[in-house]
Amino acid sequence: MSTTIQKIDNDMSHLADHARALIAATADAAEEHVKEARDRLAAALDSGKNLTTRFRDHATARTRACDLAVHRNPYQAIGIAIGLGALLGYLAVRECSNGRH
């Protein structure tokens, strides 16, 4: 897992921990609006966890598919990379020659 993904995962875990602490801290509150807010927060946490899991699984599957495609067609992958690099280089030079840095 890349460091960016690990950082996002850690941040999401900290956010979920704080939200669970808030739910626990308000457990004794008897007001109806506090109970409703707690229930909505708990539902949002569950939904966020499911969404994060699905996103991670989807990203992992796409990464593996890309890796497999590059291994099956290494010369085409190199050609595409060179072509994209040349295109980006051309666009960068064109922008600089127009006076836009």
PDB file of N, CA and C in Angstrom:
ATOM      1  N   MET A   1       0.847  -1.168   0.000  1.00  0.00           N
ATOM      2  CA  MET A   1       0.000   0.000   0.000  1.00  0.00           C
ATOM      3  C   MET A   1       0.896   1.235   0.000  1.00  0.00           C
ATOM      4  N   SER A   2       0.552   2.226  -0.802  1.00  0.00           N
ATOM      5  CA  SER A   2       1.382   3.428  -0.891  1.00  0.00           C
ATOM      6  C   SER A   2       1.223   4.278   0.367  1.00  0.00           C
ATOM      7  N   THR A   3       2.152   5.193   0.546  1.00  0.00           N
ATOM      8  CA  THR A   3       2.115   6.033   1.746  1.00  0.00           C
ATOM      9  C   THR A   3       0.911   6.962   1.737  1.00  0.00           C
ATOM     10  N   THR A   4       0.486   7.421   0.558  1.00  0.00           N
ATOM     11  CA  THR A   4      -0.690   8.287   0.485  1.00  0.00           C
ATOM     12  C   THR A   4      -1.937   7.535   0.929  1.00  0.00           C
ATOM     13  N   ILE A   5      -2.080   6.316   0.451  1.00  0.00           N
ATOM     14  CA  ILE A   5      -3.237   5.507   0.834  1.00  0.00           C
ATOM     15  C   ILE A   5      -3.191   5.200   2.322  1.00  0.00           C
ATOM     16  N   GLN A   6      -2.001   4.930   2.852  1.00  0.00           N
ATOM     17  CA  GLN A   6      -1.864   4.668   4.285  1.00  0.00           C
ATOM     18  C   GLN A   6      -2.241   5.906   5.094  1.00  0.00           C
ATOM     19  N   LYS A   7      -1.835   7.088   4.617  1.00  0.00           N
ATOM     20  CA  LYS A   7      -2.161   8.326   5.329  1.00  0.00           C
ATOM     21  C   LYS A   7      -3.669   8.556   5.325  1.00  0.00           C
ATOM     22  N   ILE A   8      -4.307   8.353   4.192  1.00  0.00           N
ATOM     23  CA  ILE A   8      -5.764   8.514   4.112  1.00  0.00           C
ATOM     24  C   ILE A   8      -6.447   7.506   5.015  1.00  0.00           C
ATOM     25  N   ASP A   9      -5.967   6.274   4.993  1.00  0.00           N
ATOM     26  CA  ASP A   9      -6.542   5.235   5.846  1.00  0.00           C
ATOM     27  C   ASP A   9      -6.391   5.596   7.319  1.00  0.00           C
ATOM     28  N   ASN A  10      -5.216   6.110   7.714  1.00  0.00           N
ATOM     29  CA  ASN A  10      -4.994   6.520   9.099  1.00  0.00           C
ATOM     30  C   ASN A  10      -5.895   7.689   9.485  1.00  0.00           C
ATOM     31  N   ASP A  11      -6.016   8.661   8.584  1.00  0.00           N
ATOM     32  CA  ASP A  11      -6.876   9.815   8.859  1.00  0.00           C
ATOM     33  C   ASP A  11      -8.331   9.385   9.027  1.00  0.00           C
ATOM     34  N   MET A  12      -8.784   8.487   8.160  1.00  0.00           N
ATOM     35  CA  MET A  12     -10.160   7.995   8.256  1.00  0.00           C
ATOM     36  C   MET A  12     -10.369   7.222   9.559  1.00  0.00           C
ATOM     37  N   SER A  13      -9.374   6.453   9.969  1.00  0.00           N
ATOM     38  CA  SER A  13      -9.468   5.705  11.229  1.00  0.00           C
ATOM     39  C   SER A  13      -9.555   6.654  12.418  1.00  0.00           C
ATOM     40  N   HIS A  14      -8.737   7.715  12.409  1.00  0.00           N
ATOM     41  CA  HIS A  14      -8.777   8.700  13.497  1.00  0.00           C
ATOM     42  C   HIS A  14     -10.130   9.406  13.539  1.00  0.00           C
ATOM     43  N   LEU A  15     -10.645   9.761  12.384  1.00  0.00           N
ATOM     44  CA  LEU A  15     -11.953  10.408  12.316  1.00  0.00           C
ATOM     45  C   LEU A  15     -13.041   9.492  12.862  1.00  0.00           C
ATOM     46  N   ALA A  16     -12.996   8.235  12.482  1.00  0.00           N
ATOM     47  CA  ALA A  16     -13.984   7.267  12.976  1.00  0.00           C
ATOM     48  C   ALA A  16     -13.843   7.073  14.486  1.00  0.00           C
ATOM     49  N   ASP A  17     -12.607   7.032  14.982  1.00  0.00           N
ATOM     50  CA  ASP A  17     -12.392   6.887  16.426  1.00  0.00           C
ATOM     51  C   ASP A  17     -12.974   8.071  17.195  1.00  0.00           C
ATOM     52  N   HIS A  18     -12.758   9.276  16.674  1.00  0.00           N
ATOM     53  CA  HIS A  18     -13.303  10.468  17.334  1.00  0.00           C
ATOM     54  C   HIS A  18     -14.835  10.461  17.303  1.00  0.00           C
ATOM     55  N   ALA A  19     -15.388  10.033  16.193  1.00  0.00           N
ATOM     56  CA  ALA A  19     -16.851   9.974  16.091  1.00  0.00           C
ATOM     57  C   ALA A  19     -17.415   8.937  17.063  1.00  0.00           C
ATOM     58  N   ARG A  20     -16.755   7.796  17.187  1.00  0.00           N
ATOM     59  CA  ARG A  20     -17.217   6.776  18.141  1.00  0.00           C
ATOM     60  C   ARG A  20     -17.091   7.283  19.576  1.00  0.00           C
ATOM     61  N   ALA A  21     -16.031   8.040  19.852  1.00  0.00           N
ATOM     62  CA  ALA A  21     -15.871   8.627  21.189  1.00  0.00           C
ATOM     63  C   ALA A  21     -16.988   9.619  21.470  1.00  0.00           C
ATOM     64  N   LEU A  22     -17.379  10.386  20.474  1.00  0.00           N
ATOM     65  CA  LEU A  22     -18.486  11.322  20.632  1.00  0.00           C
ATOM     66  C   LEU A  22     -19.791  10.576  20.888  1.00  0.00           C
ATOM     67  N   ILE A  23     -20.002   9.491  20.189  1.00  0.00           N
ATOM     68  CA  ILE A  23     -21.206   8.679  20.412  1.00  0.00           C
ATOM     69  C   ILE A  23     -21.211   8.137  21.838  1.00  0.00           C
ATOM     70  N   ALA A  24     -20.065   7.647  22.288  1.00  0.00           N
ATOM     71  CA  ALA A  24     -19.981   7.103  23.649  1.00  0.00           C
ATOM     72  C   ALA A  24     -20.168   8.202  24.698  1.00  0.00           C
ATOM     73  N   ALA A  25     -19.624   9.387  24.445  1.00  0.00           N
ATOM     74  CA  ALA A  25     -19.725  10.483  25.414  1.00  0.00           C
ATOM     75  C   ALA A  25     -21.156  10.987  25.571  1.00  0.00           C
ATOM     76  N   THR A  26     -21.944  10.850  24.527  1.00  0.00           N
ATOM     77  CA  THR A  26     -23.329  11.328  24.592  1.00  0.00           C
ATOM     78  C   THR A  26     -24.325  10.202  24.861  1.00  0.00           C
ATOM     79  N   ALA A  27     -23.822   9.054  25.251  1.00  0.00           N
ATOM     80  CA  ALA A  27     -24.698   7.894  25.465  1.00  0.00           C
ATOM     81  C   ALA A  27     -25.702   8.129  26.589  1.00  0.00           C
ATOM     82  N   ASP A  28     -25.340   8.936  27.583  1.00  0.00           N
ATOM     83  CA  ASP A  28     -26.230   9.183  28.719  1.00  0.00           C
ATOM     84  C   ASP A  28     -27.244  10.295  28.449  1.00  0.00           C
ATOM     85  N   ALA A  29     -27.072  11.010  27.358  1.00  0.00           N
ATOM     86  CA  ALA A  29     -27.989  12.109  27.044  1.00  0.00           C
ATOM     87  C   ALA A  29     -29.354  11.540  26.670  1.00  0.00           C
ATOM     88  N   ALA A  30     -30.388  12.064  27.299  1.00  0.00           N
ATOM     89  CA  ALA A  30     -31.729  11.532  27.097  1.00  0.00           C
ATOM     90  C   ALA A  30     -32.524  12.310  26.054  1.00  0.00           C
ATOM     91  N   GLU A  31     -32.018  13.450  25.619  1.00  0.00           N
ATOM     92  CA  GLU A  31     -32.767  14.256  24.666  1.00  0.00           C
ATOM     93  C   GLU A  31     -32.930  13.507  23.349  1.00  0.00           C
ATOM     94  N   GLU A  32     -34.089  13.652  22.769  1.00  0.00           N
ATOM     95  CA  GLU A  32     -34.401  12.936  21.528  1.00  0.00           C
ATOM     96  C   GLU A  32     -33.506  13.390  20.367  1.00  0.00           C
ATOM     97  N   HIS A  33     -33.235  14.688  20.274  1.00  0.00           N
ATOM     98  CA  HIS A  33     -32.415  15.171  19.160  1.00  0.00           C
ATOM     99  C   HIS A  33     -30.976  14.670  19.265  1.00  0.00           C
ATOM    100  N   VAL A  34     -30.475  14.461  20.469  1.00  0.00           N
ATOM    101  CA  VAL A  34     -29.126  13.912  20.648  1.00  0.00           C
ATOM    102  C   VAL A  34     -29.109  12.447  20.218  1.00  0.00           C
ATOM    103  N   LYS A  35     -30.158  11.709  20.579  1.00  0.00           N
ATOM    104  CA  LYS A  35     -30.244  10.299  20.173  1.00  0.00           C
ATOM    105  C   LYS A  35     -30.314  10.183  18.655  1.00  0.00           C
ATOM    106  N   GLU A  36     -31.101  11.055  18.022  1.00  0.00           N
ATOM    107  CA  GLU A  36     -31.211  11.021  16.565  1.00  0.00           C
ATOM    108  C   GLU A  36     -29.876  11.353  15.900  1.00  0.00           C
ATOM    109  N   ALA A  37     -29.176  12.340  16.433  1.00  0.00           N
ATOM    110  CA  ALA A  37     -27.871  12.716  15.882  1.00  0.00           C
ATOM    111  C   ALA A  37     -26.869  11.575  16.046  1.00  0.00           C
ATOM    112  N   ARG A  38     -26.904  10.916  17.202  1.00  0.00           N
ATOM    113  CA  ARG A  38     -26.021   9.775  17.430  1.00  0.00           C
ATOM    114  C   ARG A  38     -26.319   8.659  16.440  1.00  0.00           C
ATOM    115  N   ASP A  39     -27.585   8.373  16.209  1.00  0.00           N
ATOM    116  CA  ASP A  39     -27.971   7.317  15.266  1.00  0.00           C
ATOM    117  C   ASP A  39     -27.520   7.661  13.841  1.00  0.00           C
ATOM    118  N   ARG A  40     -27.698   8.934  13.459  1.00  0.00           N
ATOM    119  CA  ARG A  40     -27.263   9.345  12.120  1.00  0.00           C
ATOM    120  C   ARG A  40     -25.748   9.239  11.977  1.00  0.00           C
ATOM    121  N   LEU A  41     -25.019   9.627  13.021  1.00  0.00           N
ATOM    122  CA  LEU A  41     -23.563   9.541  12.985  1.00  0.00           C
ATOM    123  C   LEU A  41     -23.106   8.089  12.892  1.00  0.00           C
ATOM    124  N   ALA A  42     -23.738   7.211  13.649  1.00  0.00           N
ATOM    125  CA  ALA A  42     -23.383   5.790  13.588  1.00  0.00           C
ATOM    126  C   ALA A  42     -23.661   5.224  12.202  1.00  0.00           C
ATOM    127  N   ALA A  43     -24.784   5.611  11.598  1.00  0.00           N
ATOM    128  CA  ALA A  43     -25.100   5.140  10.247  1.00  0.00           C
ATOM    129  C   ALA A  43     -24.087   5.678   9.234  1.00  0.00           C
ATOM    130  N   ALA A  44     -23.691   6.939   9.394  1.00  0.00           N
ATOM    131  CA  ALA A  44     -22.704   7.528   8.489  1.00  0.00           C
ATOM    132  C   ALA A  44     -21.353   6.832   8.626  1.00  0.00           C
ATOM    133  N   LEU A  45     -20.979   6.466   9.849  1.00  0.00           N
ATOM    134  CA  LEU A  45     -19.719   5.738  10.053  1.00  0.00           C
ATOM    135  C   LEU A  45     -19.747   4.393   9.350  1.00  0.00           C
ATOM    136  N   ASP A  46     -20.854   3.667   9.488  1.00  0.00           N
ATOM    137  CA  ASP A  46     -20.972   2.366   8.828  1.00  0.00           C
ATOM    138  C   ASP A  46     -20.926   2.510   7.314  1.00  0.00           C
ATOM    139  N   SER A  47     -21.629   3.511   6.802  1.00  0.00           N
ATOM    140  CA  SER A  47     -21.645   3.749   5.363  1.00  0.00           C
ATOM    141  C   SER A  47     -20.253   4.119   4.860  1.00  0.00           C
ATOM    142  N   GLY A  48     -19.555   4.979   5.600  1.00  0.00           N
ATOM    143  CA  GLY A  48     -18.202   5.378   5.222  1.00  0.00           C
ATOM    144  C   GLY A  48     -17.232   4.211   5.226  1.00  0.00           C
ATOM    145  N   LYS A  49     -17.382   3.343   6.199  1.00  0.00           N
ATOM    146  CA  LYS A  49     -16.505   2.171   6.269  1.00  0.00           C
ATOM    147  C   LYS A  49     -16.743   1.260   5.067  1.00  0.00           C
ATOM    148  N   ASN A  50     -18.009   1.042   4.721  1.00  0.00           N
ATOM    149  CA  ASN A  50     -18.326   0.208   3.563  1.00  0.00           C
ATOM    150  C   ASN A  50     -17.813   0.832   2.271  1.00  0.00           C
ATOM    151  N   LEU A  51     -17.983   2.140   2.129  1.00  0.00           N
ATOM    152  CA  LEU A  51     -17.521   2.830   0.932  1.00  0.00           C
ATOM    153  C   LEU A  51     -15.999   2.768   0.815  1.00  0.00           C
ATOM    154  N   THR A  52     -15.306   2.966   1.918  1.00  0.00           N
ATOM    155  CA  THR A  52     -13.846   2.900   1.912  1.00  0.00           C
ATOM    156  C   THR A  52     -13.358   1.512   1.530  1.00  0.00           C
ATOM    157  N   THR A  53     -14.004   0.495   2.058  1.00  0.00           N
ATOM    158  CA  THR A  53     -13.626  -0.889   1.740  1.00  0.00           C
ATOM    159  C   THR A  53     -13.846  -1.182   0.267  1.00  0.00           C
ATOM    160  N   ARG A  54     -14.999  -0.765  -0.271  1.00  0.00           N
ATOM    161  CA  ARG A  54     -15.287  -0.995  -1.695  1.00  0.00           C
ATOM    162  C   ARG A  54     -14.295  -0.244  -2.573  1.00  0.00           C
ATOM    163  N   PHE A  55     -13.978   1.010  -2.210  1.00  0.00           N
ATOM    164  CA  PHE A  55     -13.024   1.792  -2.989  1.00  0.00           C
ATOM    165  C   PHE A  55     -11.645   1.129  -2.983  1.00  0.00           C
ATOM    166  N   ARG A  56     -11.196   0.697  -1.826  1.00  0.00           N
ATOM    167  CA  ARG A  56      -9.881   0.056  -1.715  1.00  0.00           C
ATOM    168  C   ARG A  56      -9.835  -1.223  -2.546  1.00  0.00           C
ATOM    169  N   ASP A  57     -10.891  -2.031  -2.477  1.00  0.00           N
ATOM    170  CA  ASP A  57     -10.938  -3.270  -3.258  1.00  0.00           C
ATOM    171  C   ASP A  57     -10.926  -2.975  -4.757  1.00  0.00           C
ATOM    172  N   HIS A  58     -11.697  -1.971  -5.162  1.00  0.00           N
ATOM    173  CA  HIS A  58     -11.757  -1.600  -6.576  1.00  0.00           C
ATOM    174  C   HIS A  58     -10.403  -1.076  -7.057  1.00  0.00           C
ATOM    175  N   ALA A  59      -9.770  -0.223  -6.271  1.00  0.00           N
ATOM    176  CA  ALA A  59      -8.465   0.325  -6.644  1.00  0.00           C
ATOM    177  C   ALA A  59      -7.414  -0.772  -6.725  1.00  0.00           C
ATOM    178  N   THR A  60      -7.463  -1.711  -5.807  1.00  0.00           N
ATOM    179  CA  THR A  60      -6.509  -2.823  -5.817  1.00  0.00           C
ATOM    180  C   THR A  60      -6.697  -3.679  -7.063  1.00  0.00           C
ATOM    181  N   ALA A  61      -7.944  -3.967  -7.408  1.00  0.00           N
ATOM    182  CA  ALA A  61      -8.220  -4.772  -8.602  1.00  0.00           C
ATOM    183  C   ALA A  61      -7.749  -4.054  -9.867  1.00  0.00           C
ATOM    184  N   ARG A  62      -7.987  -2.745  -9.960  1.00  0.00           N
ATOM    185  CA  ARG A  62      -7.552  -1.981 -11.131  1.00  0.00           C
ATOM    186  C   ARG A  62      -6.030  -1.929 -11.214  1.00  0.00           C
ATOM    187  N   THR A  63      -5.373  -1.793 -10.077  1.00  0.00           N
ATOM    188  CA  THR A  63      -3.910  -1.761 -10.063  1.00  0.00           C
ATOM    189  C   THR A  63      -3.344  -3.089 -10.544  1.00  0.00           C
ATOM    190  N   ARG A  64      -3.920  -4.180 -10.083  1.00  0.00           N
ATOM    191  CA  ARG A  64      -3.456  -5.511 -10.518  1.00  0.00           C
ATOM    192  C   ARG A  64      -3.697  -5.709 -12.013  1.00  0.00           C
ATOM    193  N   ALA A  65      -4.841  -5.246 -12.513  1.00  0.00           N
ATOM    194  CA  ALA A  65      -5.138  -5.375 -13.939  1.00  0.00           C
ATOM    195  C   ALA A  65      -4.150  -4.567 -14.774  1.00  0.00           C
ATOM    196  N   CYS A  66      -3.813  -3.370 -14.319  1.00  0.00           N
ATOM    197  CA  CYS A  66      -2.845  -2.529 -15.025  1.00  0.00           C
ATOM    198  C   CYS A  66      -1.466  -3.182 -15.017  1.00  0.00           C
ATOM    199  N   ASP A  67      -1.070  -3.711 -13.885  1.00  0.00           N
ATOM    200  CA  ASP A  67       0.220  -4.382 -13.764  1.00  0.00           C
ATOM    201  C   ASP A  67       0.290  -5.583 -14.707  1.00  0.00           C
ATOM    202  N   LEU A  68      -0.773  -6.349 -14.764  1.00  0.00           N
ATOM    203  CA  LEU A  68      -0.825  -7.515 -15.644  1.00  0.00           C
ATOM    204  C   LEU A  68      -0.743  -7.087 -17.108  1.00  0.00           C
ATOM    205  N   ALA A  69      -1.453  -6.021 -17.484  1.00  0.00           N
ATOM    206  CA  ALA A  69      -1.418  -5.536 -18.863  1.00  0.00           C
ATOM    207  C   ALA A  69      -0.015  -5.076 -19.252  1.00  0.00           C
ATOM    208  N   VAL A  70       0.680  -4.403 -18.347  1.00  0.00           N
ATOM    209  CA  VAL A  70       2.039  -3.948 -18.637  1.00  0.00           C
ATOM    210  C   VAL A  70       2.983  -5.143 -18.778  1.00  0.00           C
ATOM    211  N   HIS A  71       2.800  -6.157 -17.942  1.00  0.00           N
ATOM    212  CA  HIS A  71       3.657  -7.344 -18.044  1.00  0.00           C
ATOM    213  C   HIS A  71       3.386  -8.133 -19.316  1.00  0.00           C
ATOM    214  N   ARG A  72       2.145  -8.153 -19.763  1.00  0.00           N
ATOM    215  CA  ARG A  72       1.809  -8.885 -20.990  1.00  0.00           C
ATOM    216  C   ARG A  72       2.260  -8.132 -22.242  1.00  0.00           C
ATOM    217  N   ASN A  73       2.288  -6.807 -22.184  1.00  0.00           N
ATOM    218  CA  ASN A  73       2.618  -5.974 -23.338  1.00  0.00           C
ATOM    219  C   ASN A  73       3.645  -4.906 -22.963  1.00  0.00           C
ATOM    220  N   PRO A  74       4.861  -5.315 -22.641  1.00  0.00           N
ATOM    221  CA  PRO A  74       5.829  -4.331 -22.139  1.00  0.00           C
ATOM    222  C   PRO A  74       6.232  -3.290 -23.187  1.00  0.00           C
ATOM    223  N   TYR A  75       6.388  -3.694 -24.446  1.00  0.00           N
ATOM    224  CA  TYR A  75       6.815  -2.740 -25.467  1.00  0.00           C
ATOM    225  C   TYR A  75       5.728  -1.711 -25.769  1.00  0.00           C
ATOM    226  N   GLN A  76       4.500  -2.151 -25.774  1.00  0.00           N
ATOM    227  CA  GLN A  76       3.400  -1.203 -25.983  1.00  0.00           C
ATOM    228  C   GLN A  76       3.316  -0.226 -24.813  1.00  0.00           C
ATOM    229  N   ALA A  77       3.530  -0.730 -23.599  1.00  0.00           N
ATOM    230  CA  ALA A  77       3.498   0.143 -22.422  1.00  0.00           C
ATOM    231  C   ALA A  77       4.611   1.181 -22.488  1.00  0.00           C
ATOM    232  N   ILE A  78       5.789   0.758 -22.925  1.00  0.00           N
ATOM    233  CA  ILE A  78       6.905   1.693 -23.063  1.00  0.00           C
ATOM    234  C   ILE A  78       6.583   2.735 -24.131  1.00  0.00           C
ATOM    235  N   GLY A  79       6.006   2.298 -25.242  1.00  0.00           N
ATOM    236  CA  GLY A  79       5.635   3.221 -26.317  1.00  0.00           C
ATOM    237  C   GLY A  79       4.604   4.238 -25.853  1.00  0.00           C
ATOM    238  N   ILE A  80       3.613   3.787 -25.112  1.00  0.00           N
ATOM    239  CA  ILE A  80       2.596   4.701 -24.588  1.00  0.00           C
ATOM    240  C   ILE A  80       3.233   5.704 -23.630  1.00  0.00           C
ATOM    241  N   ALA A  81       4.119   5.231 -22.760  1.00  0.00           N
ATOM    242  CA  ALA A  81       4.786   6.125 -21.804  1.00  0.00           C
ATOM    243  C   ALA A  81       5.634   7.171 -22.528  1.00  0.00           C
ATOM    244  N   ILE A  82       6.355   6.753 -23.548  1.00  0.00           N
ATOM    245  CA  ILE A  82       7.172   7.705 -24.310  1.00  0.00           C
ATOM    246  C   ILE A  82       6.283   8.712 -25.031  1.00  0.00           C
ATOM    247  N   GLY A  83       5.198   8.217 -25.612  1.00  0.00           N
ATOM    248  CA  GLY A  83       4.268   9.113 -26.313  1.00  0.00           C
ATOM    249  C   GLY A  83       3.650  10.141 -25.380  1.00  0.00           C
ATOM    250  N   LEU A  84       3.209   9.696 -24.210  1.00  0.00           N
ATOM    251  CA  LEU A  84       2.637  10.633 -23.244  1.00  0.00           C
ATOM    252  C   LEU A  84       3.675  11.634 -22.749  1.00  0.00           C
ATOM    253  N   GLY A  85       4.890  11.158 -22.522  1.00  0.00           N
ATOM    254  CA  GLY A  85       5.963  12.052 -22.097  1.00  0.00           C
ATOM    255  C   GLY A  85       6.264  13.103 -23.148  1.00  0.00           C
ATOM    256  N   ALA A  86       6.293  12.686 -24.417  1.00  0.00           N
ATOM    257  CA  ALA A  86       6.545  13.630 -25.498  1.00  0.00           C
ATOM    258  C   ALA A  86       5.413  14.648 -25.604  1.00  0.00           C
ATOM    259  N   LEU A  87       4.174  14.190 -25.477  1.00  0.00           N
ATOM    260  CA  LEU A  87       3.027  15.091 -25.543  1.00  0.00           C
ATOM    261  C   LEU A  87       3.056  16.104 -24.401  1.00  0.00           C
ATOM    262  N   LEU A  88       3.311  15.632 -23.192  1.00  0.00           N
ATOM    263  CA  LEU A  88       3.382  16.544 -22.051  1.00  0.00           C
ATOM    264  C   LEU A  88       4.545  17.525 -22.192  1.00  0.00           C
ATOM    265  N   GLY A  89       5.669  17.035 -22.700  1.00  0.00           N
ATOM    266  CA  GLY A  89       6.813  17.921 -22.929  1.00  0.00           C
ATOM    267  C   GLY A  89       6.494  18.979 -23.969  1.00  0.00           C
ATOM    268  N   TYR A  90       5.832  18.587 -25.043  1.00  0.00           N
ATOM    269  CA  TYR A  90       5.433  19.542 -26.082  1.00  0.00           C
ATOM    270  C   TYR A  90       4.497  20.598 -25.513  1.00  0.00           C
ATOM    271  N   LEU A  91       3.505  20.165 -24.758  1.00  0.00           N
ATOM    272  CA  LEU A  91       2.552  21.111 -24.174  1.00  0.00           C
ATOM    273  C   LEU A  91       3.232  22.058 -23.186  1.00  0.00           C
ATOM    274  N   ALA A  92       4.172  21.541 -22.405  1.00  0.00           N
ATOM    275  CA  ALA A  92       4.883  22.386 -21.441  1.00  0.00           C
ATOM    276  C   ALA A  92       5.731  23.428 -22.155  1.00  0.00           C
ATOM    277  N   VAL A  93       6.424  23.034 -23.213  1.00  0.00           N
ATOM    278  CA  VAL A  93       7.253  23.971 -23.967  1.00  0.00           C
ATOM    279  C   VAL A  93       6.369  25.002 -24.652  1.00  0.00           C
ATOM    280  N   ARG A  94       5.260  24.579 -25.179  1.00  0.00           N
ATOM    281  CA  ARG A  94       4.337  25.495 -25.861  1.00  0.00           C
ATOM    282  C   ARG A  94       3.788  26.543 -24.892  1.00  0.00           C
ATOM    283  N   GLU A  95       3.438  26.102 -23.676  1.00  0.00           N
ATOM    284  CA  GLU A  95       2.947  27.042 -22.676  1.00  0.00           C
ATOM    285  C   GLU A  95       4.029  28.046 -22.290  1.00  0.00           C
ATOM    286  N   CYS A  96       5.256  27.582 -22.126  1.00  0.00           N
ATOM    287  CA  CYS A  96       6.348  28.480 -21.755  1.00  0.00           C
ATOM    288  C   CYS A  96       6.670  29.460 -22.875  1.00  0.00           C
ATOM    289  N   SER A  97       6.561  29.028 -24.125  1.00  0.00           N
ATOM    290  CA  SER A  97       6.884  29.935 -25.234  1.00  0.00           C
ATOM    291  C   SER A  97       5.791  30.974 -25.437  1.00  0.00           C
ATOM    292  N   ASN A  98       4.586  30.712 -24.932  1.00  0.00           N
ATOM    293  CA  ASN A  98       3.509  31.699 -25.002  1.00  0.00           C
ATOM    294  C   ASN A  98       3.593  32.699 -23.860  1.00  0.00           C
ATOM    295  N   GLY A  99       4.568  32.551 -22.997  1.00  0.00           N
ATOM    296  CA  GLY A  99       4.729  33.476 -21.872  1.00  0.00           C
ATOM    297  C   GLY A  99       3.940  33.096 -20.650  1.00  0.00           C
ATOM    298  N   ARG A 100       3.412  31.918 -20.603  1.00  0.00           N
ATOM    299  CA  ARG A 100       2.637  31.437 -19.437  1.00  0.00           C
ATOM    300  C   ARG A 100       3.483  30.445 -18.656  1.00  0.00           C
ATOM    301  N   HIS A 101       4.032  30.839 -17.558  1.00  0.00           N
ATOM    302  CA  HIS A 101       4.808  29.885 -16.751  1.00  0.00           C
ATOM    303  C   HIS A 101       3.971  29.425 -15.624  1.00  0.00           C
TER     304      HIS A 101
END
